[in-house]
Amino acid sequence: MDTDTAFSFSAHPTRQQLLVSIRRFTRGQARFFRLAGALLIVFGLVFSLDDEIVLRIFTVLFGLLCILAVPELTVRTVVAKIQGMLSRPTEYRIDDQGVRMTTDLTEFFVRWAAVDRLDEAPGLLIARTGQTGFYAVPTGALPPETAAEVTAFVRAHVRP
């Protein structure tokens, strides 16, 4: 059964919006790498044998790499791989059943029951669908009143 469309608009997701979306989605993994890096640094500075200076240096440097580089490299690698598919002019249709996103290459529909959580960034709604999926709806190009209405509508349909 089809419902009346509550909102229908076009947007062109940018690379920056993809970066923000992926960073939000992978926050847990980034925290894990940063914590692992900190533990490696502590291990390298405190718990290594005093005679093993090379092991200490390697452990501290690897810890710094985990803290500073791994999360950002992961995000940039993912964005580079998906950018061609996701940063296309997209038609969004948001109604009582869910969100439909259509490009010249894809059509993607997510029902509200699949959405676990909603994150908001300036001009962007990021809906999580379980542990392994998300979709982003850019609202920055909409008039402020419409963006607020879309955000409130989506927020009202996402289960707490």
Protein backbone atom coordinates (compact mmCIF):
# COMPACT_ATOMS: atom_id res chain seq x y z
CA MET A 1 0.00 0.00 0.00
CA ASP A 2 1.45 3.34 -1.00
CA THR A 3 1.09 6.41 1.19
CA ASP A 4 1.17 10.07 0.28
CA THR A 5 4.71 11.33 0.08
CA ALA A 6 5.50 13.42 3.12
CA PHE A 7 8.72 14.84 1.66
CA SER A 8 10.30 14.58 -1.75
CA PHE A 9 13.45 16.42 -2.76
CA SER A 10 16.69 16.15 -4.70
CA ALA A 11 20.18 16.49 -3.27
CA HIS A 12 23.70 15.81 -4.39
CA PRO A 13 25.71 14.30 -1.50
CA THR A 14 29.22 15.74 -1.36
CA ARG A 15 32.52 14.06 -0.51
CA GLN A 16 32.55 16.00 2.76
CA GLN A 17 29.11 14.63 3.68
CA LEU A 18 30.32 11.12 2.91
CA LEU A 19 33.35 11.70 5.17
CA VAL A 20 31.13 12.90 8.00
CA SER A 21 28.76 9.95 7.54
CA ILE A 22 31.53 7.35 7.54
CA ARG A 23 33.24 8.97 10.53
CA ARG A 24 29.99 8.87 12.49
CA PHE A 25 29.31 5.29 11.48
CA THR A 26 32.82 4.06 12.36
CA ARG A 27 33.17 5.92 15.69
CA GLY A 28 33.28 2.66 17.64
CA GLN A 29 36.06 1.20 15.52
CA ALA A 30 38.03 4.45 15.74
CA ARG A 31 37.73 4.38 19.54
CA PHE A 32 38.96 0.80 19.57
CA PHE A 33 42.06 1.65 17.50
CA ARG A 34 42.80 4.71 19.63
CA LEU A 35 42.48 2.70 22.84
CA ALA A 36 44.66 -0.08 21.41
CA GLY A 37 47.22 2.54 20.38
CA ALA A 38 47.24 4.06 23.85
CA LEU A 39 47.71 0.63 25.41
CA LEU A 40 50.60 -0.09 23.04
CA ILE A 41 52.26 3.19 24.01
CA VAL A 42 51.84 2.41 27.71
CA PHE A 43 53.20 -1.08 27.15
CA GLY A 44 56.12 0.30 25.17
CA LEU A 45 56.99 2.89 27.78
CA VAL A 46 56.28 1.01 30.99
CA PHE A 47 56.16 -2.73 30.58
CA SER A 48 58.88 -3.48 28.03
CA LEU A 49 62.19 -4.82 29.14
CA ASP A 50 64.71 -2.08 29.73
CA ASP A 51 67.23 -3.69 27.38
CA GLU A 52 64.84 -3.89 24.44
CA ILE A 53 64.98 -0.29 23.20
CA VAL A 54 64.11 -1.30 19.60
CA LEU A 55 60.96 -3.10 20.83
CA ARG A 56 60.02 -0.05 22.90
CA ILE A 57 60.43 2.32 19.98
CA PHE A 58 58.53 0.03 17.62
CA THR A 59 55.67 -0.44 20.11
CA VAL A 60 55.34 3.30 20.80
CA LEU A 61 55.46 4.16 17.09
CA PHE A 62 52.89 1.48 16.25
CA GLY A 63 50.69 2.83 19.05
CA LEU A 64 50.95 6.34 17.61
CA LEU A 65 50.08 4.99 14.17
CA CYS A 66 46.96 3.31 15.62
CA ILE A 67 45.90 6.55 17.31
CA LEU A 68 46.67 9.06 14.58
CA ALA A 69 46.58 7.34 11.21
CA VAL A 70 44.54 4.13 11.18
CA PRO A 71 41.08 5.66 11.85
CA GLU A 72 41.55 8.42 9.27
CA LEU A 73 43.05 6.09 6.65
CA THR A 74 40.13 3.71 7.14
CA VAL A 75 37.59 6.49 6.59
CA ARG A 76 39.36 7.85 3.52
CA THR A 77 39.73 4.37 2.00
CA VAL A 78 36.04 3.60 2.46
CA VAL A 79 34.98 6.96 1.02
CA ALA A 80 37.25 6.50 -1.99
CA LYS A 81 35.67 3.11 -2.70
CA ILE A 82 32.03 4.19 -2.33
CA GLN A 83 32.17 7.77 -3.56
CA GLY A 84 31.42 6.90 -7.19
CA MET A 85 28.23 5.12 -6.20
CA LEU A 86 26.97 7.40 -3.42
CA SER A 87 27.95 10.93 -4.41
CA ARG A 88 25.47 11.18 -7.26
CA PRO A 89 22.41 13.39 -7.65
CA THR A 90 19.81 11.59 -5.57
CA GLU A 91 16.04 11.80 -5.30
CA TYR A 92 14.83 11.34 -1.71
CA ARG A 93 11.30 10.33 -0.84
CA ILE A 94 10.47 10.17 2.86
CA ASP A 95 7.04 8.98 3.96
CA ASP A 96 5.32 6.93 6.67
CA GLN A 97 6.76 3.68 5.27
CA GLY A 98 10.43 4.69 5.11
CA VAL A 99 13.05 6.41 3.01
CA ARG A 100 13.59 5.80 -0.71
CA MET A 101 16.79 7.04 -2.35
CA THR A 102 17.05 6.86 -6.12
CA THR A 103 20.01 7.72 -8.37
CA ASP A 104 20.66 7.03 -12.03
CA LEU A 105 22.35 3.76 -10.94
CA THR A 106 20.54 2.59 -7.82
CA GLU A 107 17.30 2.52 -5.92
CA PHE A 108 17.42 1.98 -2.18
CA PHE A 109 14.44 1.72 0.18
CA VAL A 110 14.68 1.35 3.95
CA ARG A 111 11.62 0.83 6.13
CA TRP A 112 11.49 2.59 9.49
CA ALA A 113 11.56 -0.73 11.36
CA ALA A 114 15.11 -1.28 10.09
CA VAL A 115 16.46 1.99 11.53
CA ASP A 116 18.05 1.59 14.97
CA ARG A 117 19.42 5.06 15.59
CA LEU A 118 19.51 8.52 14.12
CA ASP A 119 22.61 10.73 14.27
CA GLU A 120 22.51 14.36 13.21
CA ALA A 121 25.31 16.44 11.79
CA PRO A 122 24.97 19.95 10.36
CA GLY A 123 22.93 19.56 7.19
CA LEU A 124 22.92 15.76 7.40
CA LEU A 125 20.82 12.98 8.94
CA ILE A 126 22.60 9.64 9.41
CA ALA A 127 20.32 6.67 10.05
CA ARG A 128 21.88 3.45 11.32
CA THR A 129 20.45 0.13 10.24
CA GLY A 130 21.99 -2.38 12.61
CA GLN A 131 25.70 -2.78 13.18
CA THR A 132 26.67 -2.94 9.53
CA GLY A 133 24.62 -0.38 7.67
CA PHE A 134 23.60 3.25 7.47
CA TYR A 135 22.26 5.79 5.06
CA ALA A 136 22.60 9.55 5.02
CA VAL A 137 20.07 12.16 3.98
CA PRO A 138 21.58 15.59 3.19
CA THR A 139 19.27 18.35 4.40
CA GLY A 140 21.65 21.30 4.13
CA ALA A 141 20.38 22.48 0.74
CA LEU A 142 16.76 22.51 1.91
CA PRO A 143 15.17 25.70 3.24
CA PRO A 144 15.71 25.78 7.03
CA GLU A 145 12.02 25.28 7.81
CA THR A 146 11.80 22.27 5.50
CA ALA A 147 15.03 20.79 6.88
CA ALA A 148 13.63 21.11 10.41
CA GLU A 149 10.37 19.44 9.33
CA VAL A 150 12.24 16.57 7.63
CA THR A 151 14.44 16.09 10.70
CA ALA A 152 11.44 16.07 13.05
CA PHE A 153 9.55 13.66 10.77
CA VAL A 154 12.47 11.22 10.55
CA ARG A 155 13.16 11.51 14.30
CA ALA A 156 9.50 10.70 15.03
CA HIS A 157 9.69 7.52 12.90
CA VAL A 158 12.95 6.13 14.28
CA ARG A 159 12.32 3.73 17.13
CA PRO A 160 13.93 4.77 20.41
